[in-house]
Amino acid sequence: MPSIEALAMAGVDCGINFEERERRDVEKTPQYLLADHGEEGDLRCHEKDKLMGEQLQVKTKMESSVTNIVSTIHGQDKKL
């Protein structure tokens, strides 16, 4: 007997209702594996985005400071 994939590629209607299968799969999935779409979940996501933005700013400032220090040191070496 051919696989479901082979039948699908051949364009044969297997009579599978994917919406029904997906609904049953979601019902079987443990709650802790499902994404949190509630208000609290949105708030946590916003807080994570804010924190990542702050971390990016700190990283950018640190890189700029290191670049300035290195260029200053190289400038002093050339003068000597």
PDB file of N, CA and C in Angstrom:
ATOM      1  N   MET A   1       0.845  -1.185   0.000  1.00  0.00           N
ATOM      2  CA  MET A   1       0.000   0.000   0.000  1.00  0.00           C
ATOM      3  C   MET A   1       0.885   1.240   0.000  1.00  0.00           C
ATOM      4  N   PRO A   2       0.599   2.211  -0.869  1.00  0.00           N
ATOM      5  CA  PRO A   2       1.425   3.430  -0.924  1.00  0.00           C
ATOM      6  C   PRO A   2       1.205   4.307   0.308  1.00  0.00           C
ATOM      7  N   SER A   3       2.199   5.124   0.576  1.00  0.00           N
ATOM      8  CA  SER A   3       2.110   6.012   1.736  1.00  0.00           C
ATOM      9  C   SER A   3       1.149   7.162   1.455  1.00  0.00           C
ATOM     10  N   ILE A   4       0.742   7.832   2.523  1.00  0.00           N
ATOM     11  CA  ILE A   4      -0.143   9.002   2.383  1.00  0.00           C
ATOM     12  C   ILE A   4       0.553  10.083   1.570  1.00  0.00           C
ATOM     13  N   GLU A   5       1.868  10.238   1.795  1.00  0.00           N
ATOM     14  CA  GLU A   5       2.630  11.248   1.059  1.00  0.00           C
ATOM     15  C   GLU A   5       2.615  10.959  -0.435  1.00  0.00           C
ATOM     16  N   ALA A   6       2.814   9.685  -0.799  1.00  0.00           N
ATOM     17  CA  ALA A   6       2.815   9.307  -2.219  1.00  0.00           C
ATOM     18  C   ALA A   6       1.451   9.562  -2.845  1.00  0.00           C
ATOM     19  N   LEU A   7       0.399   9.222  -2.136  1.00  0.00           N
ATOM     20  CA  LEU A   7      -0.948   9.472  -2.650  1.00  0.00           C
ATOM     21  C   LEU A   7      -1.212  10.964  -2.809  1.00  0.00           C
ATOM     22  N   ALA A   8      -0.752  11.755  -1.846  1.00  0.00           N
ATOM     23  CA  ALA A   8      -0.961  13.204  -1.916  1.00  0.00           C
ATOM     24  C   ALA A   8      -0.220  13.790  -3.110  1.00  0.00           C
ATOM     25  N   MET A   9       1.023  13.318  -3.345  1.00  0.00           N
ATOM     26  CA  MET A   9       1.795  13.816  -4.486  1.00  0.00           C
ATOM     27  C   MET A   9       1.139  13.420  -5.807  1.00  0.00           C
ATOM     28  N   ALA A  10       0.446  12.295  -5.806  1.00  0.00           N
ATOM     29  CA  ALA A  10      -0.246  11.845  -7.014  1.00  0.00           C
ATOM     30  C   ALA A  10      -1.585  12.546  -7.198  1.00  0.00           C
ATOM     31  N   GLY A  11      -1.995  13.322  -6.204  1.00  0.00           N
ATOM     32  CA  GLY A  11      -3.237  14.067  -6.310  1.00  0.00           C
ATOM     33  C   GLY A  11      -4.466  13.270  -5.933  1.00  0.00           C
ATOM     34  N   VAL A  12      -4.275  12.165  -5.245  1.00  0.00           N
ATOM     35  CA  VAL A  12      -5.393  11.312  -4.828  1.00  0.00           C
ATOM     36  C   VAL A  12      -5.987  11.874  -3.545  1.00  0.00           C
ATOM     37  N   ASP A  13      -7.331  11.947  -3.509  1.00  0.00           N
ATOM     38  CA  ASP A  13      -8.007  12.415  -2.301  1.00  0.00           C
ATOM     39  C   ASP A  13      -8.130  11.246  -1.340  1.00  0.00           C
ATOM     40  N   CYS A  14      -7.439  11.344  -0.214  1.00  0.00           N
ATOM     41  CA  CYS A  14      -7.436  10.255   0.770  1.00  0.00           C
ATOM     42  C   CYS A  14      -8.585  10.368   1.755  1.00  0.00           C
ATOM     43  N   GLY A  15      -9.339  11.428   1.661  1.00  0.00           N
ATOM     44  CA  GLY A  15     -10.453  11.610   2.573  1.00  0.00           C
ATOM     45  C   GLY A  15     -10.018  12.048   3.968  1.00  0.00           C
ATOM     46  N   ILE A  16      -8.830  12.635   4.077  1.00  0.00           N
ATOM     47  CA  ILE A  16      -8.330  13.078   5.371  1.00  0.00           C
ATOM     48  C   ILE A  16      -8.754  14.527   5.590  1.00  0.00           C
ATOM     49  N   ASN A  17      -9.400  14.778   6.696  1.00  0.00           N
ATOM     50  CA  ASN A  17      -9.810  16.122   7.051  1.00  0.00           C
ATOM     51  C   ASN A  17      -8.720  16.720   7.949  1.00  0.00           C
ATOM     52  N   PHE A  18      -7.870  17.570   7.360  1.00  0.00           N
ATOM     53  CA  PHE A  18      -6.734  18.102   8.098  1.00  0.00           C
ATOM     54  C   PHE A  18      -7.150  19.041   9.222  1.00  0.00           C
ATOM     55  N   GLU A  19      -8.251  19.760   9.029  1.00  0.00           N
ATOM     56  CA  GLU A  19      -8.725  20.635  10.094  1.00  0.00           C
ATOM     57  C   GLU A  19      -9.112  19.822  11.323  1.00  0.00           C
ATOM     58  N   GLU A  20      -9.785  18.703  11.104  1.00  0.00           N
ATOM     59  CA  GLU A  20     -10.194  17.835  12.206  1.00  0.00           C
ATOM     60  C   GLU A  20      -8.976  17.211  12.883  1.00  0.00           C
ATOM     61  N   ARG A  21      -8.005  16.766  12.099  1.00  0.00           N
ATOM     62  CA  ARG A  21      -6.783  16.178  12.673  1.00  0.00           C
ATOM     63  C   ARG A  21      -6.025  17.215  13.498  1.00  0.00           C
ATOM     64  N   GLU A  22      -5.932  18.440  12.964  1.00  0.00           N
ATOM     65  CA  GLU A  22      -5.221  19.498  13.684  1.00  0.00           C
ATOM     66  C   GLU A  22      -5.923  19.808  15.001  1.00  0.00           C
ATOM     67  N   ARG A  23      -7.251  19.865  14.984  1.00  0.00           N
ATOM     68  CA  ARG A  23      -8.016  20.135  16.198  1.00  0.00           C
ATOM     69  C   ARG A  23      -7.766  19.036  17.235  1.00  0.00           C
ATOM     70  N   ARG A  24      -7.765  17.766  16.793  1.00  0.00           N
ATOM     71  CA  ARG A  24      -7.509  16.660  17.714  1.00  0.00           C
ATOM     72  C   ARG A  24      -6.086  16.698  18.252  1.00  0.00           C
ATOM     73  N   ASP A  25      -5.140  17.074  17.391  1.00  0.00           N
ATOM     74  CA  ASP A  25      -3.749  17.155  17.842  1.00  0.00           C
ATOM     75  C   ASP A  25      -3.570  18.230  18.903  1.00  0.00           C
ATOM     76  N   VAL A  26      -4.247  19.361  18.735  1.00  0.00           N
ATOM     77  CA  VAL A  26      -4.160  20.445  19.712  1.00  0.00           C
ATOM     78  C   VAL A  26      -4.780  20.011  21.027  1.00  0.00           C
ATOM     79  N   GLU A  27      -5.867  19.267  20.947  1.00  0.00           N
ATOM     80  CA  GLU A  27      -6.513  18.786  22.180  1.00  0.00           C
ATOM     81  C   GLU A  27      -5.598  17.839  22.948  1.00  0.00           C
ATOM     82  N   LYS A  28      -4.770  17.082  22.263  1.00  0.00           N
ATOM     83  CA  LYS A  28      -3.869  16.128  22.902  1.00  0.00           C
ATOM     84  C   LYS A  28      -2.586  16.787  23.420  1.00  0.00           C
ATOM     85  N   THR A  29      -2.259  17.965  22.910  1.00  0.00           N
ATOM     86  CA  THR A  29      -1.019  18.634  23.287  1.00  0.00           C
ATOM     87  C   THR A  29      -1.108  19.150  24.716  1.00  0.00           C
ATOM     88  N   PRO A  30      -0.115  18.845  25.557  1.00  0.00           N
ATOM     89  CA  PRO A  30      -0.125  19.361  26.930  1.00  0.00           C
ATOM     90  C   PRO A  30      -0.102  20.891  26.938  1.00  0.00           C
ATOM     91  N   GLN A  31      -0.776  21.480  27.890  1.00  0.00           N
ATOM     92  CA  GLN A  31      -0.902  22.935  27.955  1.00  0.00           C
ATOM     93  C   GLN A  31       0.444  23.648  28.064  1.00  0.00           C
ATOM     94  N   TYR A  32       1.405  23.028  28.751  1.00  0.00           N
ATOM     95  CA  TYR A  32       2.687  23.712  28.935  1.00  0.00           C
ATOM     96  C   TYR A  32       3.485  23.806  27.630  1.00  0.00           C
ATOM     97  N   LEU A  33       3.090  23.059  26.595  1.00  0.00           N
ATOM     98  CA  LEU A  33       3.771  23.146  25.310  1.00  0.00           C
ATOM     99  C   LEU A  33       3.125  24.155  24.369  1.00  0.00           C
ATOM    100  N   LEU A  34       1.936  24.607  24.702  1.00  0.00           N
ATOM    101  CA  LEU A  34       1.225  25.555  23.847  1.00  0.00           C
ATOM    102  C   LEU A  34       1.694  26.977  24.133  1.00  0.00           C
ATOM    103  N   ALA A  35       1.697  27.814  23.100  1.00  0.00           N
ATOM    104  CA  ALA A  35       2.085  29.213  23.262  1.00  0.00           C
ATOM    105  C   ALA A  35       1.055  29.937  24.109  1.00  0.00           C
ATOM    106  N   ASP A  36       1.523  30.873  24.916  1.00  0.00           N
ATOM    107  CA  ASP A  36       0.642  31.665  25.768  1.00  0.00           C
ATOM    108  C   ASP A  36       0.234  32.915  25.000  1.00  0.00           C
ATOM    109  N   HIS A  37      -1.060  33.008  24.663  1.00  0.00           N
ATOM    110  CA  HIS A  37      -1.549  34.161  23.915  1.00  0.00           C
ATOM    111  C   HIS A  37      -2.353  35.122  24.779  1.00  0.00           C
ATOM    112  N   GLY A  38      -2.306  34.932  26.081  1.00  0.00           N
ATOM    113  CA  GLY A  38      -3.063  35.798  26.979  1.00  0.00           C
ATOM    114  C   GLY A  38      -2.365  37.135  27.183  1.00  0.00           C
ATOM    115  N   GLU A  39      -3.018  38.018  27.936  1.00  0.00           N
ATOM    116  CA  GLU A  39      -2.452  39.344  28.198  1.00  0.00           C
ATOM    117  C   GLU A  39      -1.119  39.241  28.917  1.00  0.00           C
ATOM    118  N   GLU A  40      -1.024  38.325  29.855  1.00  0.00           N
ATOM    119  CA  GLU A  40       0.214  38.169  30.610  1.00  0.00           C
ATOM    120  C   GLU A  40       1.347  37.736  29.680  1.00  0.00           C
ATOM    121  N   GLY A  41       1.042  36.866  28.717  1.00  0.00           N
ATOM    122  CA  GLY A  41       2.043  36.426  27.752  1.00  0.00           C
ATOM    123  C   GLY A  41       2.517  37.562  26.883  1.00  0.00           C
ATOM    124  N   ASP A  42       1.577  38.432  26.455  1.00  0.00           N
ATOM    125  CA  ASP A  42       1.958  39.594  25.647  1.00  0.00           C
ATOM    126  C   ASP A  42       2.845  40.536  26.442  1.00  0.00           C
ATOM    127  N   LEU A  43       2.548  40.715  27.732  1.00  0.00           N
ATOM    128  CA  LEU A  43       3.329  41.600  28.584  1.00  0.00           C
ATOM    129  C   LEU A  43       4.750  41.071  28.720  1.00  0.00           C
ATOM    130  N   ARG A  44       4.872  39.766  28.948  1.00  0.00           N
ATOM    131  CA  ARG A  44       6.206  39.174  29.086  1.00  0.00           C
ATOM    132  C   ARG A  44       6.999  39.340  27.808  1.00  0.00           C
ATOM    133  N   CYS A  45       6.353  39.174  26.671  1.00  0.00           N
ATOM    134  CA  CYS A  45       7.016  39.322  25.378  1.00  0.00           C
ATOM    135  C   CYS A  45       7.491  40.761  25.206  1.00  0.00           C
ATOM    136  N   HIS A  46       6.659  41.728  25.592  1.00  0.00           N
ATOM    137  CA  HIS A  46       7.027  43.136  25.497  1.00  0.00           C
ATOM    138  C   HIS A  46       8.221  43.443  26.405  1.00  0.00           C
ATOM    139  N   GLU A  47       8.204  42.884  27.603  1.00  0.00           N
ATOM    140  CA  GLU A  47       9.320  43.111  28.532  1.00  0.00           C
ATOM    141  C   GLU A  47      10.610  42.514  27.984  1.00  0.00           C
ATOM    142  N   LYS A  48      10.535  41.349  27.359  1.00  0.00           N
ATOM    143  CA  LYS A  48      11.719  40.735  26.757  1.00  0.00           C
ATOM    144  C   LYS A  48      12.256  41.609  25.622  1.00  0.00           C
ATOM    145  N   ASP A  49      11.351  42.137  24.790  1.00  0.00           N
ATOM    146  CA  ASP A  49      11.774  43.004  23.693  1.00  0.00           C
ATOM    147  C   ASP A  49      12.469  44.252  24.229  1.00  0.00           C
ATOM    148  N   LYS A  50      11.911  44.819  25.293  1.00  0.00           N
ATOM    149  CA  LYS A  50      12.495  46.024  25.896  1.00  0.00           C
ATOM    150  C   LYS A  50      13.887  45.715  26.443  1.00  0.00           C
ATOM    151  N   LEU A  51      14.024  44.591  27.128  1.00  0.00           N
ATOM    152  CA  LEU A  51      15.310  44.196  27.689  1.00  0.00           C
ATOM    153  C   LEU A  51      16.339  43.968  26.583  1.00  0.00           C
ATOM    154  N   MET A  52      15.936  43.320  25.502  1.00  0.00           N
ATOM    155  CA  MET A  52      16.860  43.084  24.397  1.00  0.00           C
ATOM    156  C   MET A  52      17.302  44.395  23.761  1.00  0.00           C
ATOM    157  N   GLY A  53      16.397  45.363  23.680  1.00  0.00           N
ATOM    158  CA  GLY A  53      16.750  46.682  23.149  1.00  0.00           C
ATOM    159  C   GLY A  53      17.762  47.382  24.034  1.00  0.00           C
ATOM    160  N   GLU A  54      17.556  47.286  25.351  1.00  0.00           N
ATOM    161  CA  GLU A  54      18.508  47.897  26.288  1.00  0.00           C
ATOM    162  C   GLU A  54      19.873  47.221  26.198  1.00  0.00           C
ATOM    163  N   GLN A  55      19.882  45.901  26.071  1.00  0.00           N
ATOM    164  CA  GLN A  55      21.142  45.171  25.946  1.00  0.00           C
ATOM    165  C   GLN A  55      21.872  45.555  24.667  1.00  0.00           C
ATOM    166  N   LEU A  56      21.136  45.765  23.595  1.00  0.00           N
ATOM    167  CA  LEU A  56      21.744  46.180  22.337  1.00  0.00           C
ATOM    168  C   LEU A  56      22.368  47.562  22.470  1.00  0.00           C
ATOM    169  N   GLN A  57      21.701  48.465  23.177  1.00  0.00           N
ATOM    170  CA  GLN A  57      22.257  49.806  23.395  1.00  0.00           C
ATOM    171  C   GLN A  57      23.551  49.738  24.190  1.00  0.00           C
ATOM    172  N   VAL A  58      23.576  48.926  25.230  1.00  0.00           N
ATOM    173  CA  VAL A  58      24.784  48.775  26.050  1.00  0.00           C
ATOM    174  C   VAL A  58      25.912  48.204  25.199  1.00  0.00           C
ATOM    175  N   LYS A  59      25.607  47.193  24.409  1.00  0.00           N
ATOM    176  CA  LYS A  59      26.625  46.571  23.550  1.00  0.00           C
ATOM    177  C   LYS A  59      27.179  47.590  22.562  1.00  0.00           C
ATOM    178  N   THR A  60      26.314  48.391  21.960  1.00  0.00           N
ATOM    179  CA  THR A  60      26.745  49.397  20.997  1.00  0.00           C
ATOM    180  C   THR A  60      27.652  50.427  21.657  1.00  0.00           C
ATOM    181  N   LYS A  61      27.291  50.878  22.862  1.00  0.00           N
ATOM    182  CA  LYS A  61      28.118  51.846  23.586  1.00  0.00           C
ATOM    183  C   LYS A  61      29.471  51.249  23.934  1.00  0.00           C
ATOM    184  N   MET A  62      29.489  49.989  24.357  1.00  0.00           N
ATOM    185  CA  MET A  62      30.753  49.344  24.714  1.00  0.00           C
ATOM    186  C   MET A  62      31.649  49.198  23.488  1.00  0.00           C
ATOM    187  N   GLU A  63      31.079  48.793  22.358  1.00  0.00           N
ATOM    188  CA  GLU A  63      31.866  48.659  21.135  1.00  0.00           C
ATOM    189  C   GLU A  63      32.440  50.001  20.708  1.00  0.00           C
ATOM    190  N   SER A  64      31.651  51.052  20.838  1.00  0.00           N
ATOM    191  CA  SER A  64      32.106  52.400  20.488  1.00  0.00           C
ATOM    192  C   SER A  64      33.249  52.838  21.391  1.00  0.00           C
ATOM    193  N   SER A  65      33.124  52.559  22.686  1.00  0.00           N
ATOM    194  CA  SER A  65      34.178  52.922  23.633  1.00  0.00           C
ATOM    195  C   SER A  65      35.470  52.181  23.327  1.00  0.00           C
ATOM    196  N   VAL A  66      35.376  50.897  23.046  1.00  0.00           N
ATOM    197  CA  VAL A  66      36.570  50.106  22.725  1.00  0.00           C
ATOM    198  C   VAL A  66      37.218  50.632  21.452  1.00  0.00           C
ATOM    199  N   THR A  67      36.408  50.961  20.448  1.00  0.00           N
ATOM    200  CA  THR A  67      36.944  51.491  19.198  1.00  0.00           C
ATOM    201  C   THR A  67      37.682  52.801  19.446  1.00  0.00           C
ATOM    202  N   ASN A  68      37.117  53.674  20.273  1.00  0.00           N
ATOM    203  CA  ASN A  68      37.763  54.952  20.589  1.00  0.00           C
ATOM    204  C   ASN A  68      39.072  54.735  21.336  1.00  0.00           C
ATOM    205  N   ILE A  69      39.076  53.818  22.289  1.00  0.00           N
ATOM    206  CA  ILE A  69      40.282  53.544  23.067  1.00  0.00           C
ATOM    207  C   ILE A  69      41.378  52.997  22.162  1.00  0.00           C
ATOM    208  N   VAL A  70      41.032  52.044  21.309  1.00  0.00           N
ATOM    209  CA  VAL A  70      42.012  51.435  20.410  1.00  0.00           C
ATOM    210  C   VAL A  70      42.564  52.471  19.438  1.00  0.00           C
ATOM    211  N   SER A  71      41.703  53.306  18.889  1.00  0.00           N
ATOM    212  CA  SER A  71      42.195  54.321  17.950  1.00  0.00           C
ATOM    213  C   SER A  71      43.076  55.341  18.663  1.00  0.00           C
ATOM    214  N   THR A  72      42.780  55.670  19.916  1.00  0.00           N
ATOM    215  CA  THR A  72      43.611  56.584  20.696  1.00  0.00           C
ATOM    216  C   THR A  72      44.985  55.964  20.941  1.00  0.00           C
ATOM    217  N   ILE A  73      44.994  54.697  21.306  1.00  0.00           N
ATOM    218  CA  ILE A  73      46.261  54.008  21.559  1.00  0.00           C
ATOM    219  C   ILE A  73      47.098  53.946  20.288  1.00  0.00           C
ATOM    220  N   HIS A  74      46.480  53.618  19.175  1.00  0.00           N
ATOM    221  CA  HIS A  74      47.206  53.549  17.905  1.00  0.00           C
ATOM    222  C   HIS A  74      47.695  54.933  17.487  1.00  0.00           C
ATOM    223  N   GLY A  75      46.932  55.959  17.781  1.00  0.00           N
ATOM    224  CA  GLY A  75      47.345  57.329  17.473  1.00  0.00           C
ATOM    225  C   GLY A  75      48.567  57.732  18.274  1.00  0.00           C
ATOM    226  N   GLN A  76      48.627  57.319  19.543  1.00  0.00           N
ATOM    227  CA  GLN A  76      49.774  57.639  20.393  1.00  0.00           C
ATOM    228  C   GLN A  76      51.005  56.862  19.930  1.00  0.00           C
ATOM    229  N   ASP A  77      50.840  55.642  19.463  1.00  0.00           N
ATOM    230  CA  ASP A  77      51.967  54.845  18.980  1.00  0.00           C
ATOM    231  C   ASP A  77      52.605  55.503  17.768  1.00  0.00           C
ATOM    232  N   LYS A  78      51.803  56.084  16.893  1.00  0.00           N
ATOM    233  CA  LYS A  78      52.324  56.717  15.694  1.00  0.00           C
ATOM    234  C   LYS A  78      53.110  57.971  16.017  1.00  0.00           C
ATOM    235  N   LYS A  79      52.720  58.679  17.094  1.00  0.00           N
ATOM    236  CA  LYS A  79      53.405  59.912  17.490  1.00  0.00           C
ATOM    237  C   LYS A  79      54.780  59.604  18.074  1.00  0.00           C
ATOM    238  N   LEU A  80      54.939  58.448  18.676  1.00  0.00           N
ATOM    239  CA  LEU A  80      56.208  58.091  19.292  1.00  0.00           C
ATOM    240  C   LEU A  80      57.151  57.674  18.247  1.00  0.00           C
TER     241      LEU A  80
END
